[in-house]
């Protein structure tokens, strides 16, 4: 049987996007052998430059090819080229944190592309946008895959969907939904200085492009909102009860904010020491139980949340079936490798479906 070509058009070539491209490059021969599907990058674009080649971009030199594309070959142009030039199955991969992508996804579905996204914003914006994209995917019979938006490579959304689709009833989801913030908490447990651990988290690729989105709780709020909507709750972003991780100024540029974080070191150290004196640890805890909320809370040091370390996430599902003994999903929830792997997993789900019907 001849191989089926699956074209990929990716917007976003930052840390996660670049890692995903390398993972696909390395695994392409194996995927072709196992599934009979050839993963071909037809386009790669960043904010200012990109490359589009319907025959396939040479992934051994993709950075040079993108740079050679020059100014004006941005994501919007690459997508317009893809919508008009590709035949056969194709996926739009959104590896950005860009606003305003709901309409882009709808256009992609109409043009026959599936969508795999790492971008939480289209799922956690106005409820009308979320429903509009959902309906467009259903109408055009296209996949809209976004497992990675909650828990990186962890099977969080798929677990929730399987529970609900099998007739279970969700009572609550609670836990630490941010690998970034849990890395900060665990580092502060060990006596690290707040300013230093924030800088370290950025170096490791754990934070959003603007770390204030993590520290303000916005990233956690988006994950909680996505979980709530997947559970059928009609919740708007403004309905999430959110307390920031620390005092934060959302104005000004990122570098200026980071330069000022040392002023928070003494206060954060004092708060951690006071919690430890009570046999507690501080964790940024989110919950979905009919409403959404997230805040920095004291938890018992020997509890599952208190023992959580590094960039790990924990999601505790209580349902009608899992009431006395909850279902727990736990593991690394931040970092480019696991986040890219989650998006790659969604690409492979589409590939398997295409292989079955070809």
Protein backbone atom coordinates (compact mmCIF):
# COMPACT_ATOMS: atom_id res chain seq x y z
CA UNK A 1 0.00 0.00 0.00
CA UNK A 2 1.29 3.46 -0.90
CA UNK A 3 2.12 5.84 1.90
CA UNK A 4 -0.29 8.64 2.69
CA UNK A 5 1.19 12.12 2.84
CA UNK A 6 0.11 14.31 5.75
CA UNK A 7 1.20 17.93 5.25
CA UNK A 8 2.02 20.08 8.28
CA UNK A 9 1.89 23.87 8.25
CA UNK A 10 3.24 25.29 11.50
CA UNK A 11 2.91 28.80 12.85
CA UNK A 12 5.38 29.40 15.66
CA UNK A 13 9.04 28.38 15.74
CA UNK A 14 10.00 29.36 19.29
CA UNK A 15 11.27 26.94 21.91
CA UNK A 16 8.29 24.56 21.78
CA UNK A 17 7.75 24.95 18.03
CA UNK A 18 11.40 24.27 17.23
CA UNK A 19 11.43 21.24 19.54
CA UNK A 20 8.33 19.84 17.83
CA UNK A 21 9.91 20.21 14.39
CA UNK A 22 12.98 18.30 15.57
CA UNK A 23 10.85 15.55 17.12
CA UNK A 24 8.94 15.13 13.84
CA UNK A 25 12.20 15.13 11.85
CA UNK A 26 13.67 12.39 14.04
CA UNK A 27 10.56 10.20 14.09
CA UNK A 28 9.38 10.67 10.50
CA UNK A 29 10.93 7.39 9.20
CA UNK A 30 9.48 5.43 12.12
CA UNK A 31 6.00 6.93 11.67
CA UNK A 32 6.13 6.14 7.94
CA UNK A 33 7.09 2.54 8.67
CA UNK A 34 4.54 1.96 11.44
CA UNK A 35 1.56 3.93 10.17
CA UNK A 36 2.16 4.30 6.45
CA UNK A 37 1.85 8.08 6.88
CA UNK A 38 4.57 10.46 5.72
CA UNK A 39 4.74 13.62 7.83
CA UNK A 40 5.84 16.43 5.53
CA UNK A 41 6.37 20.01 6.69
CA UNK A 42 4.99 22.19 3.88
CA UNK A 43 5.31 25.45 5.83
CA UNK A 44 7.01 26.91 8.90
CA UNK A 45 6.58 30.51 9.99
CA UNK A 46 7.49 32.83 12.82
CA UNK A 47 6.41 36.40 13.46
CA UNK A 48 8.59 37.91 10.75
CA UNK A 49 9.76 35.20 8.40
CA UNK A 50 8.78 31.81 7.10
CA UNK A 51 9.04 29.29 4.32
CA UNK A 52 6.38 27.51 2.29
CA UNK A 53 7.16 24.65 -0.06
CA UNK A 54 4.32 22.31 -1.10
CA UNK A 55 6.95 19.69 -1.95
CA UNK A 56 8.23 19.70 1.62
CA UNK A 57 10.72 21.75 3.61
CA UNK A 58 14.11 20.12 4.17
CA UNK A 59 14.05 19.72 7.96
CA UNK A 60 17.82 19.25 8.15
CA UNK A 61 18.12 22.97 7.37
CA UNK A 62 14.72 24.39 8.21
CA UNK A 63 16.07 27.34 10.24
CA UNK A 64 18.08 28.55 7.24
CA UNK A 65 15.10 28.08 4.95
CA UNK A 66 12.89 30.15 7.24
CA UNK A 67 15.50 32.90 7.46
CA UNK A 68 15.85 32.93 3.68
CA UNK A 69 12.12 33.49 3.38
CA UNK A 70 12.72 37.04 4.53
CA UNK A 71 10.47 39.68 6.01
CA UNK A 72 6.85 39.57 4.97
CA UNK A 73 6.72 35.77 4.87
CA UNK A 74 4.95 35.60 8.22
CA UNK A 75 2.40 33.16 9.60
CA UNK A 76 -0.58 34.85 7.94
CA UNK A 77 1.04 34.70 4.50
CA UNK A 78 2.17 31.11 4.95
CA UNK A 79 -1.36 30.10 5.91
CA UNK A 80 -2.87 31.86 2.88
CA UNK A 81 -0.43 30.02 0.66
CA UNK A 82 -1.25 26.71 2.31
CA UNK A 83 -5.01 27.15 2.02
CA UNK A 84 -4.71 27.57 -1.71
CA UNK A 85 -1.93 25.18 -2.60
CA UNK A 86 -2.19 21.98 -0.57
CA UNK A 87 -4.06 18.90 -1.67
CA UNK A 88 -4.61 15.84 0.47
CA UNK A 89 -4.81 15.75 4.26
CA UNK A 90 -3.10 18.59 6.10
CA UNK A 91 -2.80 20.02 9.61
CA UNK A 92 -2.39 23.58 10.77
CA UNK A 93 -0.11 23.46 13.84
CA UNK A 94 -0.38 26.48 16.14
CA UNK A 95 2.74 26.64 18.32
CA UNK A 96 2.19 30.27 19.27
CA UNK A 97 0.63 32.11 22.19
CA UNK A 98 -1.07 34.53 19.80
CA UNK A 99 -4.40 36.24 20.28
CA UNK A 100 -7.15 36.16 17.68
CA UNK A 101 -6.60 32.63 16.34
CA UNK A 102 -10.23 31.46 16.51
CA UNK A 103 -11.02 32.91 13.10
CA UNK A 104 -7.80 31.42 11.67
CA UNK A 105 -8.85 27.97 12.84
CA UNK A 106 -12.29 28.36 11.28
CA UNK A 107 -10.70 29.35 7.96
CA UNK A 108 -8.41 26.33 8.17
CA UNK A 109 -11.34 23.97 8.76
CA UNK A 110 -13.27 25.46 5.84
CA UNK A 111 -10.21 24.92 3.61
CA UNK A 112 -10.04 21.26 4.68
CA UNK A 113 -7.21 21.40 7.23
CA UNK A 114 -7.24 19.86 10.67
CA UNK A 115 -5.88 21.91 13.59
CA UNK A 116 -3.44 20.91 16.33
CA UNK A 117 -2.76 23.67 18.84
CA UNK A 118 -0.53 24.41 21.81
CA UNK A 119 -2.24 27.80 22.17
CA UNK A 120 -4.65 28.09 25.10
CA UNK A 121 -6.03 31.49 24.17
CA UNK A 122 -8.53 30.40 21.47
CA UNK A 123 -9.97 27.88 23.95
CA UNK A 124 -10.04 30.23 26.92
CA UNK A 125 -11.26 33.43 25.30
CA UNK A 126 -14.91 34.44 24.89
CA UNK A 127 -17.26 31.47 25.10
CA UNK A 128 -18.75 32.43 21.74
CA UNK A 129 -15.34 31.99 20.04
CA UNK A 130 -14.82 28.59 21.67
CA UNK A 131 -18.22 27.42 20.47
CA UNK A 132 -17.69 28.91 17.00
CA UNK A 133 -14.49 26.93 16.49
CA UNK A 134 -16.09 23.77 17.88
CA UNK A 135 -19.01 24.09 15.48
CA UNK A 136 -16.74 24.80 12.51
CA UNK A 137 -14.70 21.66 13.24
CA UNK A 138 -17.87 19.56 13.51
CA UNK A 139 -19.42 21.07 10.38
CA UNK A 140 -16.34 20.48 8.27
CA UNK A 141 -15.62 17.10 9.91
CA UNK A 142 -12.10 18.12 10.89
CA UNK A 143 -10.03 17.37 13.97
CA UNK A 144 -9.42 20.16 16.48
CA UNK A 145 -6.78 18.73 18.81
CA UNK A 146 -5.59 20.56 21.92
CA UNK A 147 -4.60 17.99 24.55
CA UNK A 148 -1.35 19.87 25.18
CA UNK A 149 -3.15 23.04 26.34
CA UNK A 150 -3.80 21.46 29.75
CA UNK A 151 -0.97 19.51 31.36
CA UNK A 152 1.48 19.57 28.41
CA UNK A 153 2.05 15.90 27.51
CA UNK A 154 -0.20 14.49 30.27
CA UNK A 155 -3.50 12.81 29.25
CA UNK A 156 -5.73 15.25 31.11
CA UNK A 157 -8.39 16.32 28.62
CA UNK A 158 -8.61 12.85 27.09
CA UNK A 159 -9.15 11.39 30.57
CA UNK A 160 -11.94 13.87 31.27
CA UNK A 161 -13.61 13.19 27.91
CA UNK A 162 -13.51 9.43 28.42
CA UNK A 163 -15.05 9.75 31.88
CA UNK A 164 -17.89 11.92 30.62
CA UNK A 165 -18.46 10.02 27.37
CA UNK A 166 -18.78 6.78 29.33
CA UNK A 167 -21.55 8.28 31.48
CA UNK A 168 -19.63 9.42 34.55
CA UNK A 169 -20.48 12.74 36.22
CA UNK A 170 -17.77 15.20 37.19
CA UNK A 171 -17.88 16.51 40.76
CA UNK A 172 -14.58 18.40 40.79
CA UNK A 173 -11.06 18.68 39.47
CA UNK A 174 -8.44 20.09 41.81
CA UNK A 175 -4.69 20.31 41.79
CA UNK A 176 -1.59 22.12 40.67
CA UNK A 177 -2.14 22.86 36.99
CA UNK A 178 1.07 24.83 36.35
CA UNK A 179 4.44 23.13 36.07
CA UNK A 180 5.99 26.59 36.09
CA UNK A 181 4.41 27.68 39.37
CA UNK A 182 5.04 24.33 40.99
CA UNK A 183 8.70 24.59 40.00
CA UNK A 184 8.76 27.96 41.76
CA UNK A 185 7.01 26.56 44.84
CA UNK A 186 9.33 23.56 45.12
CA UNK A 187 12.39 25.77 44.61
CA UNK A 188 11.21 28.14 47.34
CA UNK A 189 10.65 25.10 49.61
CA UNK A 190 14.37 24.49 49.24
CA UNK A 191 15.32 28.03 50.21
CA UNK A 192 15.80 29.49 46.74
CA UNK A 193 15.39 33.22 46.17
CA UNK A 194 12.25 34.17 44.29
CA UNK A 195 14.02 36.35 41.71
CA UNK A 196 16.57 33.64 40.97
CA UNK A 197 14.07 30.80 40.58
CA UNK A 198 11.88 32.91 38.26
CA UNK A 199 14.92 33.57 36.07
CA UNK A 200 15.85 29.88 36.18
CA UNK A 201 12.33 28.82 35.15
CA UNK A 202 12.60 31.07 32.12
CA UNK A 203 15.99 29.64 31.17
CA UNK A 204 14.56 26.11 31.32
CA UNK A 205 11.66 27.04 29.05
CA UNK A 206 9.02 26.49 31.73
CA UNK A 207 7.42 29.95 31.59
CA UNK A 208 5.15 31.56 29.04
CA UNK A 209 6.94 34.07 26.75
CA UNK A 210 5.87 36.70 29.30
CA UNK A 211 6.35 35.09 32.76
CA UNK A 212 3.83 37.51 34.23
CA UNK A 213 1.10 35.40 32.61
CA UNK A 214 2.21 32.54 34.86
CA UNK A 215 2.71 34.68 37.97
CA UNK A 216 -0.61 36.46 37.53
CA UNK A 217 -2.27 33.05 37.40
CA UNK A 218 -3.52 33.67 33.86
CA UNK A 219 -2.04 30.46 32.48
CA UNK A 220 -3.64 28.40 35.27
CA UNK A 221 -6.93 30.26 34.83
CA UNK A 222 -6.97 29.35 31.15
CA UNK A 223 -6.36 25.66 31.94
CA UNK A 224 -9.12 25.63 34.55
CA UNK A 225 -11.47 27.35 32.12
CA UNK A 226 -10.68 24.84 29.37
CA UNK A 227 -11.37 21.96 31.77
CA UNK A 228 -14.64 23.58 32.85
CA UNK A 229 -15.78 24.06 29.26
CA UNK A 230 -14.83 20.51 28.35
CA UNK A 231 -17.03 19.44 31.26
CA UNK A 232 -19.92 21.38 29.76
CA UNK A 233 -19.87 24.51 31.94
CA UNK A 234 -20.73 27.77 30.18
CA UNK A 235 -18.07 29.94 31.82
CA UNK A 236 -16.54 33.19 30.60
CA UNK A 237 -12.95 34.22 31.40
CA UNK A 238 -14.18 36.88 33.82
CA UNK A 239 -15.97 34.22 35.88
CA UNK A 240 -12.71 32.62 37.04
CA UNK A 241 -11.90 33.58 40.65
CA UNK A 242 -8.22 34.32 40.39
CA UNK A 243 -5.58 35.42 42.89
CA UNK A 244 -2.05 36.07 41.58
CA UNK A 245 0.95 34.07 42.75
CA UNK A 246 2.62 37.26 43.96
CA UNK A 247 2.19 41.04 43.68
CA UNK A 248 2.66 41.80 40.02
CA UNK A 249 2.72 44.78 37.68
CA UNK A 250 1.36 43.82 34.29
CA UNK A 251 2.49 47.07 32.69
CA UNK A 252 5.85 47.68 31.08
CA UNK A 253 8.14 45.26 29.31
CA UNK A 254 9.27 41.85 30.54
CA UNK A 255 12.91 42.81 31.13
CA UNK A 256 11.92 45.69 33.39
CA UNK A 257 9.64 43.43 35.40
CA UNK A 258 12.32 40.76 35.84
CA UNK A 259 14.79 43.41 37.00
CA UNK A 260 12.42 44.31 39.83
CA UNK A 261 11.67 40.78 41.10
CA UNK A 262 14.49 40.95 43.69
CA UNK A 263 12.31 43.36 45.64
CA UNK A 264 9.93 40.45 46.28
CA UNK A 265 12.59 38.05 47.61
CA UNK A 266 12.29 38.91 51.32
CA UNK A 267 8.48 38.85 51.39
CA UNK A 268 8.23 35.53 49.57
CA UNK A 269 10.90 33.96 51.80
CA UNK A 270 9.03 35.09 54.92
CA UNK A 271 5.74 33.66 53.66
CA UNK A 272 7.35 30.29 52.92
CA UNK A 273 9.02 30.15 56.32
CA UNK A 274 5.76 30.94 58.13
CA UNK A 275 3.97 28.13 56.28
CA UNK A 276 6.78 25.68 57.06
CA UNK A 277 6.57 26.57 60.76
CA UNK A 278 2.95 25.39 60.68
CA UNK A 279 3.87 22.12 58.96
CA UNK A 280 2.50 23.40 55.66
CA UNK A 281 3.72 24.12 52.17
CA UNK A 282 2.49 26.70 49.72
CA UNK A 283 1.12 25.53 46.39
CA UNK A 284 -0.77 27.32 43.64
CA UNK A 285 -4.01 25.34 43.65
CA UNK A 286 -6.73 25.45 40.99
CA UNK A 287 -10.18 23.94 41.17
CA UNK A 288 -13.19 23.30 38.94
CA UNK A 289 -16.34 22.37 40.83
CA UNK A 290 -19.19 24.19 39.14
CA UNK A 291 -17.08 27.34 39.26
CA UNK A 292 -13.38 27.98 38.54
CA UNK A 293 -10.74 29.38 40.86
CA UNK A 294 -7.01 29.48 41.52
CA UNK A 295 -4.93 30.85 44.38
CA UNK A 296 -1.75 30.29 46.40
CA UNK A 297 -2.80 28.11 49.35
CA UNK A 298 -1.24 26.33 52.29
CA UNK A 299 -1.49 22.54 52.06
CA UNK A 300 -0.19 19.82 54.43
CA UNK A 301 3.48 19.14 53.74
CA UNK A 302 2.83 15.37 53.59
CA UNK A 303 -0.17 15.61 51.23
CA UNK A 304 -0.04 14.78 47.51
CA UNK A 305 0.06 18.49 46.68
CA UNK A 306 2.66 19.22 49.35
CA UNK A 307 4.96 16.47 48.11
CA UNK A 308 4.70 17.60 44.49
CA UNK A 309 8.12 18.68 43.23
CA UNK A 310 9.81 20.28 40.24
CA UNK A 311 7.68 21.20 37.22
CA UNK A 312 5.12 18.47 37.94
CA UNK A 313 1.37 18.87 37.61
CA UNK A 314 -1.32 16.98 39.49
CA UNK A 315 -4.98 16.73 38.49
CA UNK A 316 -7.32 15.09 41.01
CA UNK A 317 -10.62 14.04 39.40
CA UNK A 318 -13.57 13.34 41.67
CA UNK A 319 -16.56 11.91 39.86
CA UNK A 320 -19.59 9.82 40.67
CA UNK A 321 -17.47 6.70 40.08
CA UNK A 322 -14.27 8.10 41.58
CA UNK A 323 -15.68 9.80 44.65
CA UNK A 324 -14.09 8.08 47.63
CA UNK A 325 -10.83 7.35 45.83
CA UNK A 326 -10.23 10.00 43.17
CA UNK A 327 -8.59 9.42 39.82
CA UNK A 328 -5.20 11.17 39.72
CA UNK A 329 -3.15 12.24 36.70
CA UNK A 330 0.34 13.42 37.65
CA UNK A 331 3.63 14.10 35.91
CA UNK A 332 5.77 16.77 34.23
CA UNK A 333 3.59 19.67 33.13
CA UNK A 334 6.13 22.11 31.72
CA UNK A 335 9.18 22.16 29.50
CA UNK A 336 9.64 22.22 25.74
CA UNK A 337 10.26 18.49 25.31
CA UNK A 338 7.08 17.27 27.03
CA UNK A 339 4.96 20.09 25.60
CA UNK A 340 6.15 19.42 22.06
CA UNK A 341 5.61 15.69 22.61
CA UNK A 342 2.01 16.39 23.60
CA UNK A 343 1.44 18.26 20.33
CA UNK A 344 3.22 15.50 18.42
CA UNK A 345 0.87 13.03 20.06
CA UNK A 346 -2.11 14.96 18.70
CA UNK A 347 -0.55 14.98 15.22
CA UNK A 348 -0.15 11.20 15.47
CA UNK A 349 -3.81 10.78 16.47
CA UNK A 350 -4.80 12.54 13.26
CA UNK A 351 -2.27 10.45 11.32
CA UNK A 352 -3.71 7.20 12.67
CA UNK A 353 -7.26 8.25 11.77
CA UNK A 354 -6.15 9.15 8.24
CA UNK A 355 -4.28 5.84 7.89
CA UNK A 356 -7.41 3.90 8.85
CA UNK A 357 -9.56 5.60 6.23
CA UNK A 358 -7.05 5.65 3.35
